[in-house]
Amino acid sequence: VPQNLPWDQTDLTVQQPRSKWAQLGVTYPDGRPLPNDNLAASVLLPMGRNGPAFMAYANFAAYTEWNNSLIYSTTAGYLATRIAGAAPMRKPAQPVAQLPFNELKQLQQLLVQAGFNVGKVDGVLGQQSRAAVKAMQIKYGLPADSWPTAELLARMRGGTAQAQPAGMIR
């Protein structure tokens, strides 16, 4: 995916024809263009804009109906493509920064305080937490890729850029 992709469009709830994704600069991993057709697809970024990117089609719903975990469903779908002969996914240029468990749990607490339903505040990034993260990224003018970052947590804490000990909420 290109770095200027409208990140708020990268979500399973957003489906566009592959021709539209191609116009936005999305290609196959080897650089080949996507087909210029009307097949509906979503761009899925399970680890945000700096992690791996996937195209999800209507049949991906079968995975999420069986197991609503985005990571599980993405892994199962990826395994199916590998078994079918697809090339391995390309690794990100650098490791994707992940919030530690306690900070993710604190972010969920702050999201609840901001009025979002994140489900259980458990330090696990589920669909409800991802949707709330995306909404707050939009509010703060951050790339809205649904991936929780230290910058978002700092903004929600009140603007401090430094991490605070887990459990401290301002």
C-alpha atoms as a PDB file:
ATOM      1  CA  VAL A   1       0.000   0.000   0.000  1.00  0.00           C
ATOM      2  CA  PRO A   2       1.257   3.513  -0.693  1.00  0.00           C
ATOM      3  CA  GLN A   3       2.173   5.780   2.213  1.00  0.00           C
ATOM      4  CA  ASN A   4      -0.484   8.314   1.174  1.00  0.00           C
ATOM      5  CA  LEU A   5      -3.385   5.834   1.267  1.00  0.00           C
ATOM      6  CA  PRO A   6      -6.460   7.204   3.084  1.00  0.00           C
ATOM      7  CA  TRP A   7      -5.895   5.069   6.193  1.00  0.00           C
ATOM      8  CA  ASP A   8      -9.453   5.491   7.443  1.00  0.00           C
ATOM      9  CA  GLN A   9     -10.547   3.425   4.415  1.00  0.00           C
ATOM     10  CA  THR A  10      -8.492   0.406   5.506  1.00  0.00           C
ATOM     11  CA  ASP A  11     -11.071  -1.571   7.393  1.00  0.00           C
ATOM     12  CA  LEU A  12     -13.222  -4.642   6.857  1.00  0.00           C
ATOM     13  CA  THR A  13     -16.272  -2.386   6.992  1.00  0.00           C
ATOM     14  CA  VAL A  14     -15.056  -0.480   3.916  1.00  0.00           C
ATOM     15  CA  GLN A  15     -15.353  -2.321   0.615  1.00  0.00           C
ATOM     16  CA  GLN A  16     -14.411  -0.789  -2.700  1.00  0.00           C
ATOM     17  CA  PRO A  17     -13.909  -2.224  -6.184  1.00  0.00           C
ATOM     18  CA  ARG A  18     -10.364  -3.365  -6.867  1.00  0.00           C
ATOM     19  CA  SER A  19     -10.248  -0.719  -9.610  1.00  0.00           C
ATOM     20  CA  LYS A  20     -10.674   1.962  -6.903  1.00  0.00           C
ATOM     21  CA  TRP A  21      -7.927   0.442  -4.756  1.00  0.00           C
ATOM     22  CA  ALA A  22      -5.705   0.399  -7.834  1.00  0.00           C
ATOM     23  CA  GLN A  23      -6.421   4.112  -8.408  1.00  0.00           C
ATOM     24  CA  LEU A  24      -5.322   4.723  -4.811  1.00  0.00           C
ATOM     25  CA  GLY A  25      -2.005   2.992  -5.537  1.00  0.00           C
ATOM     26  CA  VAL A  26      -2.615  -0.428  -3.989  1.00  0.00           C
ATOM     27  CA  THR A  27      -0.750  -3.181  -5.855  1.00  0.00           C
ATOM     28  CA  TYR A  28       0.118  -6.822  -5.426  1.00  0.00           C
ATOM     29  CA  PRO A  29       3.199  -7.341  -3.239  1.00  0.00           C
ATOM     30  CA  ASP A  30       5.413  -7.812  -6.301  1.00  0.00           C
ATOM     31  CA  GLY A  31       4.269  -4.446  -7.723  1.00  0.00           C
ATOM     32  CA  ARG A  32       1.847  -5.815 -10.322  1.00  0.00           C
ATOM     33  CA  PRO A  33      -1.328  -3.729 -10.606  1.00  0.00           C
ATOM     34  CA  LEU A  34      -4.605  -4.979  -9.249  1.00  0.00           C
ATOM     35  CA  PRO A  35      -7.194  -5.966 -11.853  1.00  0.00           C
ATOM     36  CA  ASN A  36      -9.293  -3.082 -13.113  1.00  0.00           C
ATOM     37  CA  ASP A  37     -12.580  -4.713 -12.139  1.00  0.00           C
ATOM     38  CA  ASN A  38     -15.505  -4.228  -9.783  1.00  0.00           C
ATOM     39  CA  LEU A  39     -14.743  -7.098  -7.407  1.00  0.00           C
ATOM     40  CA  ALA A  40     -15.389  -5.678  -3.924  1.00  0.00           C
ATOM     41  CA  ALA A  41     -12.468  -5.852  -1.522  1.00  0.00           C
ATOM     42  CA  SER A  42     -11.273  -4.386   1.739  1.00  0.00           C
ATOM     43  CA  VAL A  43      -7.713  -3.466   2.604  1.00  0.00           C
ATOM     44  CA  LEU A  44      -6.885  -5.055   5.929  1.00  0.00           C
ATOM     45  CA  LEU A  45      -3.995  -3.806   8.091  1.00  0.00           C
ATOM     46  CA  PRO A  46      -3.951  -6.035  11.185  1.00  0.00           C
ATOM     47  CA  MET A  47      -0.838  -4.245  12.510  1.00  0.00           C
ATOM     48  CA  GLY A  48      -1.535  -0.779  11.145  1.00  0.00           C
ATOM     49  CA  ARG A  49      -0.009   1.022   8.200  1.00  0.00           C
ATOM     50  CA  ASN A  50       3.546  -0.155   8.984  1.00  0.00           C
ATOM     51  CA  GLY A  51       2.671  -3.845   9.114  1.00  0.00           C
ATOM     52  CA  PRO A  52       1.591  -6.356   6.492  1.00  0.00           C
ATOM     53  CA  ALA A  53      -1.365  -5.485   4.249  1.00  0.00           C
ATOM     54  CA  PHE A  54      -3.996  -7.872   2.923  1.00  0.00           C
ATOM     55  CA  MET A  55      -6.895  -7.680   0.484  1.00  0.00           C
ATOM     56  CA  ALA A  56      -9.992  -9.227   2.027  1.00  0.00           C
ATOM     57  CA  TYR A  57     -12.811 -10.407  -0.209  1.00  0.00           C
ATOM     58  CA  ALA A  58     -16.366 -11.515   0.585  1.00  0.00           C
ATOM     59  CA  ASN A  59     -15.191 -15.057   1.367  1.00  0.00           C
ATOM     60  CA  PHE A  60     -13.086 -13.684   4.260  1.00  0.00           C
ATOM     61  CA  ALA A  61     -16.367 -13.328   6.177  1.00  0.00           C
ATOM     62  CA  ALA A  62     -16.424 -17.131   6.513  1.00  0.00           C
ATOM     63  CA  TYR A  63     -13.290 -16.922   8.659  1.00  0.00           C
ATOM     64  CA  THR A  64     -14.600 -14.101  10.854  1.00  0.00           C
ATOM     65  CA  GLU A  65     -17.952 -15.856  11.335  1.00  0.00           C
ATOM     66  CA  TRP A  66     -16.164 -18.942  12.554  1.00  0.00           C
ATOM     67  CA  ASN A  67     -13.698 -17.008  14.733  1.00  0.00           C
ATOM     68  CA  ASN A  68     -14.121 -13.236  15.166  1.00  0.00           C
ATOM     69  CA  SER A  69     -10.452 -12.742  16.070  1.00  0.00           C
ATOM     70  CA  LEU A  70      -8.894 -10.597  13.344  1.00  0.00           C
ATOM     71  CA  ILE A  71      -5.446 -12.093  13.932  1.00  0.00           C
ATOM     72  CA  TYR A  72      -6.755 -15.664  13.835  1.00  0.00           C
ATOM     73  CA  SER A  73      -8.861 -15.063  10.730  1.00  0.00           C
ATOM     74  CA  THR A  74      -6.051 -13.267   8.917  1.00  0.00           C
ATOM     75  CA  THR A  75      -3.617 -16.047   9.799  1.00  0.00           C
ATOM     76  CA  ALA A  76      -6.033 -18.725   8.565  1.00  0.00           C
ATOM     77  CA  GLY A  77      -6.663 -16.815   5.324  1.00  0.00           C
ATOM     78  CA  TYR A  78      -2.932 -16.271   4.791  1.00  0.00           C
ATOM     79  CA  LEU A  79      -2.222 -19.958   5.401  1.00  0.00           C
ATOM     80  CA  ALA A  80      -4.868 -20.879   2.814  1.00  0.00           C
ATOM     81  CA  THR A  81      -3.217 -18.644   0.213  1.00  0.00           C
ATOM     82  CA  ARG A  82       0.205 -20.147   0.976  1.00  0.00           C
ATOM     83  CA  ILE A  83      -1.173 -23.682   0.612  1.00  0.00           C
ATOM     84  CA  ALA A  84      -2.639 -22.586  -2.731  1.00  0.00           C
ATOM     85  CA  GLY A  85       0.842 -21.501  -3.859  1.00  0.00           C
ATOM     86  CA  ALA A  86       1.061 -17.793  -3.019  1.00  0.00           C
ATOM     87  CA  ALA A  87       4.460 -16.336  -2.234  1.00  0.00           C
ATOM     88  CA  PRO A  88       5.338 -15.598   1.399  1.00  0.00           C
ATOM     89  CA  MET A  89       4.292 -12.208   2.674  1.00  0.00           C
ATOM     90  CA  ARG A  90       6.953  -9.531   2.723  1.00  0.00           C
ATOM     91  CA  LYS A  91       8.168  -8.528   6.133  1.00  0.00           C
ATOM     92  CA  PRO A  92       7.910  -4.874   7.124  1.00  0.00           C
ATOM     93  CA  ALA A  93      11.073  -2.794   6.616  1.00  0.00           C
ATOM     94  CA  GLN A  94      11.308  -2.419  10.378  1.00  0.00           C
ATOM     95  CA  PRO A  95       9.562  -4.056  13.318  1.00  0.00           C
ATOM     96  CA  VAL A  96       6.079  -2.721  14.025  1.00  0.00           C
ATOM     97  CA  ALA A  97       5.948  -0.956  17.401  1.00  0.00           C
ATOM     98  CA  GLN A  98       3.459  -2.583  19.739  1.00  0.00           C
ATOM     99  CA  LEU A  99       2.125  -1.214  22.987  1.00  0.00           C
ATOM    100  CA  PRO A 100       2.942  -3.391  25.982  1.00  0.00           C
ATOM    101  CA  PHE A 101      -0.018  -5.230  27.482  1.00  0.00           C
ATOM    102  CA  ASN A 102      -0.447  -2.814  30.414  1.00  0.00           C
ATOM    103  CA  GLU A 103      -0.372   0.232  28.131  1.00  0.00           C
ATOM    104  CA  LEU A 104      -2.907  -1.330  25.761  1.00  0.00           C
ATOM    105  CA  LYS A 105      -5.147  -2.010  28.747  1.00  0.00           C
ATOM    106  CA  GLN A 106      -4.690   1.591  29.885  1.00  0.00           C
ATOM    107  CA  LEU A 107      -5.576   2.812  26.387  1.00  0.00           C
ATOM    108  CA  GLN A 108      -8.755   0.738  26.549  1.00  0.00           C
ATOM    109  CA  GLN A 109      -9.591   2.328  29.912  1.00  0.00           C
ATOM    110  CA  LEU A 110      -9.106   5.789  28.408  1.00  0.00           C
ATOM    111  CA  LEU A 111     -11.282   4.845  25.439  1.00  0.00           C
ATOM    112  CA  VAL A 112     -14.041   3.746  27.824  1.00  0.00           C
ATOM    113  CA  GLN A 113     -13.689   7.054  29.691  1.00  0.00           C
ATOM    114  CA  ALA A 114     -14.066   8.799  26.321  1.00  0.00           C
ATOM    115  CA  GLY A 115     -17.403   7.022  25.832  1.00  0.00           C
ATOM    116  CA  PHE A 116     -16.448   4.039  23.660  1.00  0.00           C
ATOM    117  CA  ASN A 117     -17.550   0.452  24.157  1.00  0.00           C
ATOM    118  CA  VAL A 118     -14.386  -1.612  23.788  1.00  0.00           C
ATOM    119  CA  GLY A 119     -15.890  -4.754  25.217  1.00  0.00           C
ATOM    120  CA  LYS A 120     -13.837  -6.167  28.059  1.00  0.00           C
ATOM    121  CA  VAL A 121     -10.913  -3.994  29.200  1.00  0.00           C
ATOM    122  CA  ASP A 122      -8.400  -6.812  28.959  1.00  0.00           C
ATOM    123  CA  GLY A 123      -5.361  -5.558  27.032  1.00  0.00           C
ATOM    124  CA  VAL A 124      -6.444  -7.501  23.945  1.00  0.00           C
ATOM    125  CA  LEU A 125      -7.059  -5.588  20.725  1.00  0.00           C
ATOM    126  CA  GLY A 126     -10.476  -6.779  19.555  1.00  0.00           C
ATOM    127  CA  GLN A 127     -12.739  -5.306  16.884  1.00  0.00           C
ATOM    128  CA  GLN A 128     -14.453  -2.881  19.276  1.00  0.00           C
ATOM    129  CA  SER A 129     -11.103  -1.587  20.544  1.00  0.00           C
ATOM    130  CA  ARG A 130      -9.830  -1.211  16.975  1.00  0.00           C
ATOM    131  CA  ALA A 131     -12.922   0.806  16.007  1.00  0.00           C
ATOM    132  CA  ALA A 132     -12.481   3.073  19.051  1.00  0.00           C
ATOM    133  CA  VAL A 133      -8.766   3.522  18.304  1.00  0.00           C
ATOM    134  CA  LYS A 134      -9.626   4.520  14.737  1.00  0.00           C
ATOM    135  CA  ALA A 135     -12.202   7.065  15.929  1.00  0.00           C
ATOM    136  CA  MET A 136      -9.685   8.640  18.309  1.00  0.00           C
ATOM    137  CA  GLN A 137      -6.985   8.676  15.623  1.00  0.00           C
ATOM    138  CA  ILE A 138      -9.395  10.621  13.426  1.00  0.00           C
ATOM    139  CA  LYS A 139     -10.188  12.998  16.302  1.00  0.00           C
ATOM    140  CA  TYR A 140      -6.483  13.712  16.912  1.00  0.00           C
ATOM    141  CA  GLY A 141      -5.577  13.953  13.212  1.00  0.00           C
ATOM    142  CA  LEU A 142      -3.400  10.830  13.319  1.00  0.00           C
ATOM    143  CA  PRO A 143      -3.270   8.223  10.540  1.00  0.00           C
ATOM    144  CA  ALA A 144      -6.507   6.310  11.193  1.00  0.00           C
ATOM    145  CA  ASP A 145      -5.259   2.761  10.661  1.00  0.00           C
ATOM    146  CA  SER A 146      -6.849   1.293  13.839  1.00  0.00           C
ATOM    147  CA  TRP A 147      -3.444   0.350  15.291  1.00  0.00           C
ATOM    148  CA  PRO A 148      -2.838   1.577  18.858  1.00  0.00           C
ATOM    149  CA  THR A 149       0.340   3.626  19.132  1.00  0.00           C
ATOM    150  CA  ALA A 150       2.334   5.311  21.874  1.00  0.00           C
ATOM    151  CA  GLU A 151       1.464   8.650  20.249  1.00  0.00           C
ATOM    152  CA  LEU A 152      -2.271   7.996  20.543  1.00  0.00           C
ATOM    153  CA  LEU A 153      -1.876   6.874  24.145  1.00  0.00           C
ATOM    154  CA  ALA A 154       0.134  10.015  24.944  1.00  0.00           C
ATOM    155  CA  ARG A 155      -2.526  12.236  23.358  1.00  0.00           C
ATOM    156  CA  MET A 156      -5.260  10.501  25.307  1.00  0.00           C
ATOM    157  CA  ARG A 157      -3.272  10.888  28.531  1.00  0.00           C
ATOM    158  CA  GLY A 158      -3.306  14.606  27.949  1.00  0.00           C
ATOM    159  CA  GLY A 159      -0.479  15.328  25.553  1.00  0.00           C
ATOM    160  CA  THR A 160       2.535  13.955  27.367  1.00  0.00           C
ATOM    161  CA  ALA A 161       4.805  12.040  25.014  1.00  0.00           C
ATOM    162  CA  GLN A 162       6.391   9.961  27.760  1.00  0.00           C
ATOM    163  CA  ALA A 163       5.023   6.625  28.757  1.00  0.00           C
ATOM    164  CA  GLN A 164       3.702   6.476  32.304  1.00  0.00           C
ATOM    165  CA  PRO A 165       3.728   3.470  34.599  1.00  0.00           C
ATOM    166  CA  ALA A 166       0.891   1.101  33.811  1.00  0.00           C
ATOM    167  CA  GLY A 167      -2.289   1.824  35.693  1.00  0.00           C
ATOM    168  CA  MET A 168      -1.732   5.576  36.044  1.00  0.00           C
ATOM    169  CA  ILE A 169      -4.460   7.489  34.279  1.00  0.00           C
ATOM    170  CA  ARG A 170      -4.754  11.265  34.180  1.00  0.00           C
END
